[in-house]
C-alpha atoms as a PDB file:
ATOM      1  CA  MET A   1      20.486  67.159 -23.721  1.00  0.00           C
ATOM      2  CA  THR A   2      20.273  64.407 -21.384  1.00  0.00           C
ATOM      3  CA  PHE A   3      22.787  62.035 -20.699  1.00  0.00           C
ATOM      4  CA  LYS A   4      22.102  58.352 -19.411  1.00  0.00           C
ATOM      5  CA  ASP A   5      23.513  57.063 -16.285  1.00  0.00           C
ATOM      6  CA  PHE A   6      24.972  53.302 -18.263  1.00  0.00           C
ATOM      7  CA  ASP A   7      26.189  52.459 -14.283  1.00  0.00           C
ATOM      8  CA  ALA A   8      22.805  52.935 -12.726  1.00  0.00           C
ATOM      9  CA  GLU A   9      20.685  51.485 -15.584  1.00  0.00           C
ATOM     10  CA  GLU A  10      22.913  48.702 -15.762  1.00  0.00           C
ATOM     11  CA  LYS A  11      22.284  47.787 -11.788  1.00  0.00           C
ATOM     12  CA  LEU A  12      18.842  48.450 -12.259  1.00  0.00           C
ATOM     13  CA  PHE A  13      19.001  45.768 -15.224  1.00  0.00           C
ATOM     14  CA  LEU A  14      21.090  43.246 -12.697  1.00  0.00           C
ATOM     15  CA  ARG A  15      18.935  43.353  -9.844  1.00  0.00           C
ATOM     16  CA  ARG A  16      15.687  42.823 -11.876  1.00  0.00           C
ATOM     17  CA  VAL A  17      17.502  39.596 -13.415  1.00  0.00           C
ATOM     18  CA  ILE A  18      18.385  38.540  -9.973  1.00  0.00           C
ATOM     19  CA  VAL A  19      15.082  39.301  -8.636  1.00  0.00           C
ATOM     20  CA  ALA A  20      13.582  37.517 -11.483  1.00  0.00           C
ATOM     21  CA  PHE A  21      15.688  34.567 -11.094  1.00  0.00           C
ATOM     22  CA  GLY A  22      15.117  34.643  -7.577  1.00  0.00           C
ATOM     23  CA  VAL A  23      11.203  34.264  -8.185  1.00  0.00           C
ATOM     24  CA  VAL A  24      11.684  31.236 -11.024  1.00  0.00           C
ATOM     25  CA  VAL A  25      14.218  29.329  -8.373  1.00  0.00           C
ATOM     26  CA  VAL A  26      10.777  30.393  -5.454  1.00  0.00           C
ATOM     27  CA  CYS A  27       8.653  28.651  -7.972  1.00  0.00           C
ATOM     28  CA  PHE A  28      10.895  25.854  -8.964  1.00  0.00           C
ATOM     29  CA  GLY A  29      11.139  24.981  -5.236  1.00  0.00           C
ATOM     30  CA  ILE A  30       7.808  25.194  -4.245  1.00  0.00           C
ATOM     31  CA  LEU A  31       6.869  22.614  -7.050  1.00  0.00           C
ATOM     32  CA  ILE A  32       9.883  20.097  -6.063  1.00  0.00           C
ATOM     33  CA  PHE A  33       8.572  20.168  -2.236  1.00  0.00           C
ATOM     34  CA  ASN A  34       4.901  19.471  -3.673  1.00  0.00           C
ATOM     35  CA  LEU A  35       6.417  16.807  -5.610  1.00  0.00           C
ATOM     36  CA  TYR A  36       9.138  15.343  -2.736  1.00  0.00           C
ATOM     37  CA  ASN A  37       5.658  15.258  -0.374  1.00  0.00           C
ATOM     38  CA  LEU A  38       3.159  13.852  -2.839  1.00  0.00           C
ATOM     39  CA  GLN A  39       6.051  11.299  -3.906  1.00  0.00           C
ATOM     40  CA  ILE A  40       7.801  10.059  -0.555  1.00  0.00           C
ATOM     41  CA  ARG A  41       5.859  11.242   2.309  1.00  0.00           C
ATOM     42  CA  GLN A  42       2.114  10.793   0.978  1.00  0.00           C
ATOM     43  CA  HIS A  43       2.598   7.680  -1.043  1.00  0.00           C
ATOM     44  CA  HIS A  44       1.409   5.039   0.952  1.00  0.00           C
ATOM     45  CA  TYR A  45      -1.918   6.980   1.915  1.00  0.00           C
ATOM     46  CA  TYR A  46      -2.036   7.528  -1.855  1.00  0.00           C
ATOM     47  CA  THR A  47      -1.697   4.136  -2.802  1.00  0.00           C
ATOM     48  CA  THR A  48      -4.345   2.759  -0.322  1.00  0.00           C
ATOM     49  CA  ARG A  49      -6.941   5.445  -1.956  1.00  0.00           C
ATOM     50  CA  SER A  50      -5.351   4.165  -5.378  1.00  0.00           C
ATOM     51  CA  ASN A  51      -6.222   0.216  -4.361  1.00  0.00           C
ATOM     52  CA  GLU A  52      -9.680   1.135  -3.190  1.00  0.00           C
ATOM     53  CA  ASN A  53     -10.662   3.222  -6.343  1.00  0.00           C
ATOM     54  CA  ASP A  54     -10.190   0.531  -8.778  1.00  0.00           C
ATOM     55  CA  ILE A  55     -12.628  -0.625 -11.480  1.00  0.00           C
ATOM     56  CA  LYS A  56     -15.093  -3.474 -10.156  1.00  0.00           C
ATOM     57  CA  MET A  57     -16.652  -5.556 -12.020  1.00  0.00           C
ATOM     58  CA  LEU A  58     -20.078  -6.559 -11.114  1.00  0.00           C
ATOM     59  CA  PRO A  59     -21.858  -9.124 -13.898  1.00  0.00           C
ATOM     60  CA  VAL A  60     -25.232  -7.398 -14.884  1.00  0.00           C
ATOM     61  CA  ALA A  61     -27.732  -9.703 -16.150  1.00  0.00           C
ATOM     62  CA  PRO A  62     -29.532  -8.314 -19.748  1.00  0.00           C
ATOM     63  CA  THR A  63     -33.369  -7.618 -19.106  1.00  0.00           C
ATOM     64  CA  ARG A  64     -34.497  -9.505 -21.532  1.00  0.00           C
ATOM     65  CA  GLY A  65     -37.639 -11.764 -21.865  1.00  0.00           C
ATOM     66  CA  ILE A  66     -41.318 -12.328 -23.168  1.00  0.00           C
ATOM     67  CA  ILE A  67     -42.699  -9.131 -24.388  1.00  0.00           C
ATOM     68  CA  TYR A  68     -46.677  -8.908 -23.833  1.00  0.00           C
ATOM     69  CA  ASP A  69     -49.586  -6.977 -25.888  1.00  0.00           C
ATOM     70  CA  ARG A  70     -51.502  -5.093 -23.590  1.00  0.00           C
ATOM     71  CA  ASN A  71     -53.865  -8.137 -22.993  1.00  0.00           C
ATOM     72  CA  GLY A  72     -50.932 -10.173 -21.307  1.00  0.00           C
ATOM     73  CA  ILE A  73     -50.656 -12.141 -25.095  1.00  0.00           C
ATOM     74  CA  PRO A  74     -46.673 -12.987 -25.619  1.00  0.00           C
ATOM     75  CA  LEU A  75     -45.295 -11.502 -28.748  1.00  0.00           C
ATOM     76  CA  VAL A  76     -42.056 -12.084 -28.521  1.00  0.00           C
ATOM     77  CA  ARG A  77     -40.210 -15.110 -27.122  1.00  0.00           C
ATOM     78  CA  ASN A  78     -36.711 -15.846 -26.331  1.00  0.00           C
ATOM     79  CA  VAL A  79     -35.155 -18.653 -28.629  1.00  0.00           C
ATOM     80  CA  THR A  80     -31.645 -19.728 -28.921  1.00  0.00           C
ATOM     81  CA  TRP A  81     -30.606 -20.393 -32.245  1.00  0.00           C
ATOM     82  CA  TYR A  82     -27.787 -21.622 -33.690  1.00  0.00           C
ATOM     83  CA  ASP A  83     -25.769 -21.441 -37.046  1.00  0.00           C
ATOM     84  CA  ILE A  84     -23.105 -22.376 -39.231  1.00  0.00           C
ATOM     85  CA  ALA A  85     -21.294 -19.797 -41.166  1.00  0.00           C
ATOM     86  CA  VAL A  86     -18.324 -20.175 -43.302  1.00  0.00           C
ATOM     87  CA  THR A  87     -16.497 -17.278 -43.985  1.00  0.00           C
ATOM     88  CA  PRO A  88     -14.945 -18.346 -48.007  1.00  0.00           C
ATOM     89  CA  TYR A  89     -11.554 -16.707 -47.877  1.00  0.00           C
ATOM     90  CA  LYS A  90     -10.414 -18.086 -45.079  1.00  0.00           C
ATOM     91  CA  ILE A  91     -10.935 -21.859 -45.859  1.00  0.00           C
ATOM     92  CA  ALA A  92      -8.548 -23.660 -48.091  1.00  0.00           C
ATOM     93  CA  ASP A  93     -10.611 -26.344 -49.211  1.00  0.00           C
ATOM     94  CA  MET A  94     -14.273 -25.731 -48.861  1.00  0.00           C
ATOM     95  CA  ASP A  95     -15.055 -29.856 -50.271  1.00  0.00           C
ATOM     96  CA  ALA A  96     -13.140 -30.971 -47.504  1.00  0.00           C
ATOM     97  CA  LEU A  97     -14.720 -28.892 -45.202  1.00  0.00           C
ATOM     98  CA  LEU A  98     -18.594 -29.908 -46.221  1.00  0.00           C
ATOM     99  CA  LYS A  99     -17.151 -33.379 -46.166  1.00  0.00           C
ATOM    100  CA  GLN A 100     -16.100 -33.093 -42.576  1.00  0.00           C
ATOM    101  CA  LEU A 101     -19.019 -31.275 -41.501  1.00  0.00           C
ATOM    102  CA  THR A 102     -22.028 -33.490 -42.989  1.00  0.00           C
ATOM    103  CA  PRO A 103     -21.651 -36.040 -40.291  1.00  0.00           C
ATOM    104  CA  ILE A 104     -21.884 -33.864 -37.784  1.00  0.00           C
ATOM    105  CA  VAL A 105     -24.759 -31.432 -38.522  1.00  0.00           C
ATOM    106  CA  ASP A 106     -26.287 -33.832 -40.712  1.00  0.00           C
ATOM    107  CA  LEU A 107     -25.885 -31.753 -44.034  1.00  0.00           C
ATOM    108  CA  SER A 108     -28.142 -32.569 -46.715  1.00  0.00           C
ATOM    109  CA  PRO A 109     -27.498 -32.487 -50.437  1.00  0.00           C
ATOM    110  CA  ASP A 110     -29.839 -29.817 -50.851  1.00  0.00           C
ATOM    111  CA  ASP A 111     -28.134 -27.777 -47.969  1.00  0.00           C
ATOM    112  CA  ILE A 112     -24.866 -27.917 -49.998  1.00  0.00           C
ATOM    113  CA  ALA A 113     -26.627 -26.935 -53.032  1.00  0.00           C
ATOM    114  CA  ASP A 114     -28.269 -24.114 -51.387  1.00  0.00           C
ATOM    115  CA  PHE A 115     -24.409 -23.292 -49.669  1.00  0.00           C
ATOM    116  CA  ARG A 116     -23.030 -23.355 -52.986  1.00  0.00           C
ATOM    117  CA  ARG A 117     -25.435 -20.952 -54.239  1.00  0.00           C
ATOM    118  CA  ALA A 118     -25.339 -18.475 -51.842  1.00  0.00           C
ATOM    119  CA  LEU A 119     -21.384 -18.776 -51.883  1.00  0.00           C
ATOM    120  CA  LYS A 120     -21.113 -17.629 -55.736  1.00  0.00           C
ATOM    121  CA  SER A 121     -24.219 -14.809 -55.006  1.00  0.00           C
ATOM    122  CA  SER A 122     -22.239 -13.001 -52.072  1.00  0.00           C
ATOM    123  CA  SER A 123     -18.572 -11.902 -51.238  1.00  0.00           C
ATOM    124  CA  ARG A 124     -15.606 -13.788 -50.288  1.00  0.00           C
ATOM    125  CA  TYR A 125     -15.126 -11.838 -47.301  1.00  0.00           C
ATOM    126  CA  ARG A 126     -18.630 -12.420 -45.764  1.00  0.00           C
ATOM    127  CA  PRO A 127     -19.633 -15.239 -43.737  1.00  0.00           C
ATOM    128  CA  VAL A 128     -22.457 -17.607 -45.373  1.00  0.00           C
ATOM    129  CA  VAL A 129     -24.621 -19.167 -43.508  1.00  0.00           C
ATOM    130  CA  LEU A 130     -24.467 -23.347 -44.017  1.00  0.00           C
ATOM    131  CA  LYS A 131     -27.001 -24.576 -41.823  1.00  0.00           C
ATOM    132  CA  ASN A 132     -29.820 -22.624 -40.036  1.00  0.00           C
ATOM    133  CA  ALA A 133     -31.415 -23.863 -36.843  1.00  0.00           C
ATOM    134  CA  LEU A 134     -29.332 -26.478 -35.716  1.00  0.00           C
ATOM    135  CA  THR A 135     -30.772 -28.879 -33.143  1.00  0.00           C
ATOM    136  CA  ASP A 136     -29.345 -29.842 -29.846  1.00  0.00           C
ATOM    137  CA  VAL A 137     -27.515 -33.180 -31.196  1.00  0.00           C
ATOM    138  CA  GLU A 138     -25.998 -31.381 -34.031  1.00  0.00           C
ATOM    139  CA  ILE A 139     -25.083 -28.532 -31.003  1.00  0.00           C
ATOM    140  CA  ALA A 140     -23.017 -30.844 -29.046  1.00  0.00           C
ATOM    141  CA  ARG A 141     -22.005 -32.748 -31.930  1.00  0.00           C
ATOM    142  CA  PHE A 142     -20.413 -29.713 -33.262  1.00  0.00           C
ATOM    143  CA  ALA A 143     -19.224 -28.550 -29.666  1.00  0.00           C
ATOM    144  CA  VAL A 144     -17.350 -31.806 -29.294  1.00  0.00           C
ATOM    145  CA  ASN A 145     -15.534 -31.624 -33.058  1.00  0.00           C
ATOM    146  CA  GLN A 146     -14.596 -27.969 -32.644  1.00  0.00           C
ATOM    147  CA  PHE A 147     -11.103 -28.011 -32.018  1.00  0.00           C
ATOM    148  CA  HIS A 148     -10.864 -29.467 -35.543  1.00  0.00           C
ATOM    149  CA  PHE A 149     -12.426 -25.914 -37.079  1.00  0.00           C
ATOM    150  CA  GLN A 150     -10.387 -23.208 -35.063  1.00  0.00           C
ATOM    151  CA  ARG A 151     -10.632 -19.926 -36.130  1.00  0.00           C
ATOM    152  CA  ARG A 152      -7.593 -18.702 -37.327  1.00  0.00           C
ATOM    153  CA  HIS A 153      -6.987 -14.730 -37.354  1.00  0.00           C
ATOM    154  CA  ASP A 154      -3.415 -15.111 -39.074  1.00  0.00           C
ATOM    155  CA  GLN A 155      -4.485 -13.944 -42.630  1.00  0.00           C
END
């Protein structure tokens, strides 16, 4: 029959606990030292590097232009095109809006009739084109009166 020496085992266990605790304390000490070193002693160095490393916005013009075929004949040209579109659910009084826009963009009765037909056949939540291909004069007049027709995103 073997007898266990509980006092020796208890001392061995206590030594292991103290050693493990010491290792944990040393590891935390190393972490705290590195934290102090990075955040306090080298703060100026990393701040300078960070400020030099920020994102710089450089405008890059899109590569657009005329597309030519192999014989040098233009196939596609860039055309600036302005339309006026209305999203029906955002407009409380459509007749008043059309009345305001008529002198600005020269809406004809045919334009208004086409718009009303398109309005009936589309969703209230999709923009419906009121007038295509505005002229430079119409664009200028609308730009001057644009503040009357501000977009509202509160709904």
